[in-house]
Amino acid sequence: MPSAIKKIERILHLQNSEYCEILKLEESKGDAIISKNGKLIQEISGKQEKLLKSVEYLEIERLELISRYFHELANGNEAKSVTLKDIAASLDSESSMGILKLGSDLKSLLLKVKAKQETNSAMLKDNIEYFDILISGLKNSSSLKSGYDRDGKEDDRVINPVLFNQKA
């Protein structure tokens, strides 16, 4: 059992490390949103996806360890239902305190990531609304004016034409 605890502690340390990096990237993404740098936002999002894949593999490894070493704690349920508190209750007090501290640190970090993601999401939504209003205003300022040219033919011209980039 001590080797299983060490493995779970290692996984928790790695997850903490991965989420610290995700938080740093999320902060950088906030700066990119403010500066309206779409390419940087996309690049940061790609890096975050890779880190989240790594976290996913760590989580799978953690569930396998629980299934293997702590199956009695699941009581016929899935390994997902076993919490760190359940595992800590089956350990001595020193090991118990260590694993609960790691879990608490991870939870705190996850809450910071979530808060930063919500802020960034709100900023992105605000930017999109701003550009929608701006584009709508530009579209409304264009009008078609008709008249006749010097040859007597009807001449349609757009006044204040606006060109839009479809990739923007």
Protein backbone atom coordinates (compact mmCIF):
# COMPACT_ATOMS: atom_id res chain seq x y z
CA MET A 1 0.00 0.00 0.00
CA PRO A 2 2.77 2.60 0.71
CA SER A 3 3.92 2.34 -2.92
CA ALA A 4 0.36 3.08 -4.07
CA ILE A 5 0.28 6.18 -1.85
CA LYS A 6 3.60 7.34 -3.29
CA LYS A 7 2.23 6.85 -6.80
CA ILE A 8 -0.91 8.83 -6.00
CA GLU A 9 1.20 11.59 -4.43
CA ARG A 10 3.35 11.66 -7.58
CA ILE A 11 0.23 11.98 -9.74
CA LEU A 12 -1.09 14.81 -7.56
CA HIS A 13 2.25 16.64 -7.81
CA LEU A 14 2.23 16.26 -11.60
CA GLN A 15 -1.37 17.46 -11.84
CA ASN A 16 -0.48 20.47 -9.69
CA SER A 17 2.40 21.23 -12.01
CA GLU A 18 0.26 20.89 -15.14
CA TYR A 19 -2.49 23.11 -13.74
CA CYS A 20 0.07 25.75 -12.68
CA GLU A 21 1.18 25.89 -16.29
CA ILE A 22 -2.45 26.04 -17.47
CA LEU A 23 -3.06 28.97 -15.10
CA LYS A 24 -0.01 30.83 -16.46
CA LEU A 25 -1.25 30.26 -20.00
CA GLU A 26 -4.74 31.42 -19.05
CA GLU A 27 -3.24 34.64 -17.67
CA SER A 28 -1.31 35.10 -20.93
CA LYS A 29 -4.52 34.47 -22.82
CA GLY A 30 -6.17 37.30 -20.87
CA ASP A 31 -3.42 39.66 -22.00
CA ALA A 32 -3.84 38.44 -25.59
CA ILE A 33 -7.59 39.05 -25.40
CA ILE A 34 -7.02 42.59 -24.17
CA SER A 35 -4.57 43.26 -27.01
CA LYS A 36 -6.98 41.52 -29.45
CA ASN A 37 -4.25 39.15 -30.67
CA GLY A 38 -6.27 36.28 -32.15
CA LYS A 39 -3.27 34.26 -33.32
CA LEU A 40 -1.74 34.30 -29.85
CA ILE A 41 -5.07 33.27 -28.30
CA GLN A 42 -5.21 30.33 -30.70
CA GLU A 43 -1.60 29.35 -29.96
CA ILE A 44 -2.15 29.49 -26.20
CA SER A 45 -5.34 27.44 -26.51
CA GLY A 46 -3.40 24.75 -28.40
CA LYS A 47 -0.80 24.57 -25.62
CA GLN A 48 -3.56 24.30 -23.04
CA GLU A 49 -5.19 21.44 -24.92
CA LYS A 50 -1.92 19.48 -24.81
CA LEU A 51 -1.60 20.07 -21.08
CA LEU A 52 -5.19 18.98 -20.52
CA LYS A 53 -4.51 15.76 -22.44
CA SER A 54 -1.61 15.13 -20.08
CA VAL A 55 -3.88 15.76 -17.07
CA GLU A 56 -6.42 13.36 -18.55
CA TYR A 57 -3.81 10.58 -18.74
CA LEU A 58 -2.77 11.28 -15.15
CA GLU A 59 -6.39 11.03 -14.06
CA ILE A 60 -6.77 7.69 -15.84
CA GLU A 61 -3.62 6.46 -14.08
CA ARG A 62 -4.99 7.65 -10.72
CA LEU A 63 -8.28 5.79 -11.27
CA GLU A 64 -6.39 2.61 -12.19
CA LEU A 65 -4.35 2.86 -8.98
CA ILE A 66 -7.51 3.29 -6.93
CA SER A 67 -9.15 0.32 -8.65
CA ARG A 68 -6.08 -1.81 -8.02
CA TYR A 69 -5.17 -0.84 -4.46
CA PHE A 70 -8.29 0.69 -2.93
CA HIS A 71 -11.09 -1.33 -4.52
CA GLU A 72 -12.54 -2.07 -1.09
CA LEU A 73 -13.17 1.67 -0.59
CA ALA A 74 -15.32 1.80 -3.72
CA ASN A 75 -17.83 -0.65 -2.19
CA GLY A 76 -18.88 -1.97 -5.58
CA ASN A 77 -18.98 1.50 -7.10
CA GLU A 78 -16.59 2.90 -9.65
CA ALA A 79 -13.14 4.12 -8.66
CA LYS A 80 -14.37 7.67 -9.47
CA SER A 81 -16.45 7.60 -6.30
CA VAL A 82 -13.38 7.14 -4.06
CA THR A 83 -12.18 10.49 -2.69
CA LEU A 84 -8.85 11.49 -1.22
CA LYS A 85 -10.61 11.72 2.15
CA ASP A 86 -11.60 8.06 1.79
CA ILE A 87 -8.02 7.09 1.01
CA ALA A 88 -6.63 9.29 3.80
CA ALA A 89 -8.98 7.66 6.31
CA SER A 90 -7.34 4.30 5.58
CA LEU A 91 -3.80 5.66 6.19
CA ASP A 92 -1.68 6.65 9.16
CA SER A 93 -1.97 10.30 10.21
CA GLU A 94 1.31 11.50 8.60
CA SER A 95 0.52 10.01 5.19
CA SER A 96 -3.07 11.14 5.57
CA MET A 97 -2.07 14.77 6.17
CA GLY A 98 0.31 14.77 3.20
CA ILE A 99 -2.18 13.46 0.69
CA LEU A 100 -4.96 15.75 1.95
CA LYS A 101 -2.62 18.76 1.66
CA LEU A 102 -1.79 17.86 -1.95
CA GLY A 103 -5.50 17.48 -2.72
CA SER A 104 -6.31 20.79 -1.08
CA ASP A 105 -3.56 22.57 -3.05
CA LEU A 106 -4.86 21.06 -6.29
CA LYS A 107 -8.43 22.10 -5.52
CA SER A 108 -7.32 25.66 -4.76
CA LEU A 109 -5.40 25.80 -8.02
CA LEU A 110 -8.37 24.46 -9.98
CA LEU A 111 -10.58 27.20 -8.53
CA LYS A 112 -8.07 29.84 -9.65
CA VAL A 113 -7.98 28.37 -13.16
CA LYS A 114 -11.78 28.30 -13.29
CA ALA A 115 -12.06 31.93 -12.17
CA LYS A 116 -9.49 33.08 -14.75
CA GLN A 117 -11.24 31.09 -17.50
CA GLU A 118 -14.57 32.70 -16.61
CA THR A 119 -12.99 36.16 -16.74
CA ASN A 120 -11.38 35.45 -20.12
CA SER A 121 -14.62 34.04 -21.45
CA ALA A 122 -16.48 37.20 -20.42
CA MET A 123 -13.81 39.39 -22.06
CA LEU A 124 -14.04 37.37 -25.30
CA LYS A 125 -17.82 37.68 -25.29
CA ASP A 126 -17.57 41.44 -24.75
CA ASN A 127 -15.08 41.76 -27.63
CA ILE A 128 -17.35 39.78 -29.95
CA GLU A 129 -20.35 41.94 -29.02
CA TYR A 130 -18.30 45.10 -29.59
CA PHE A 131 -17.22 43.98 -33.06
CA ASP A 132 -20.76 42.87 -33.93
CA ILE A 133 -22.03 46.35 -33.03
CA LEU A 134 -19.19 47.98 -34.96
CA ILE A 135 -19.81 45.88 -38.08
CA SER A 136 -23.56 46.44 -37.86
CA GLY A 137 -23.00 50.19 -37.68
CA LEU A 138 -20.68 50.10 -40.68
CA LYS A 139 -23.18 48.06 -42.69
CA ASN A 140 -25.95 50.52 -41.89
CA SER A 141 -23.87 53.50 -43.01
CA SER A 142 -23.72 52.15 -46.59
CA SER A 143 -26.55 53.03 -48.93
CA LEU A 144 -27.44 52.67 -52.56
CA LYS A 145 -27.96 55.90 -54.46
CA SER A 146 -29.36 55.79 -57.94
CA GLY A 147 -29.35 58.42 -60.60
CA TYR A 148 -28.54 58.88 -64.25
CA ASP A 149 -25.15 59.19 -65.87
CA ARG A 150 -24.47 61.65 -68.69
CA ASP A 151 -25.57 59.08 -71.31
CA GLY A 152 -29.03 58.89 -69.71
CA LYS A 153 -28.53 55.40 -68.28
CA GLU A 154 -29.49 54.58 -64.73
CA ASP A 155 -26.41 54.59 -62.50
CA ASP A 156 -26.46 52.72 -59.17
CA ARG A 157 -23.68 53.59 -56.79
CA VAL A 158 -23.00 52.56 -53.26
CA ILE A 159 -22.23 55.47 -51.01
CA ASN A 160 -19.79 54.79 -48.16
CA PRO A 161 -18.99 51.24 -49.31
CA VAL A 162 -17.61 48.89 -46.67
CA LEU A 163 -15.57 45.81 -47.48
CA PHE A 164 -15.45 42.96 -44.97
CA ASN A 165 -12.77 40.33 -44.59
CA GLN A 166 -14.48 36.95 -44.25
CA LYS A 167 -11.51 35.53 -42.30
CA ALA A 168 -11.68 38.11 -39.51
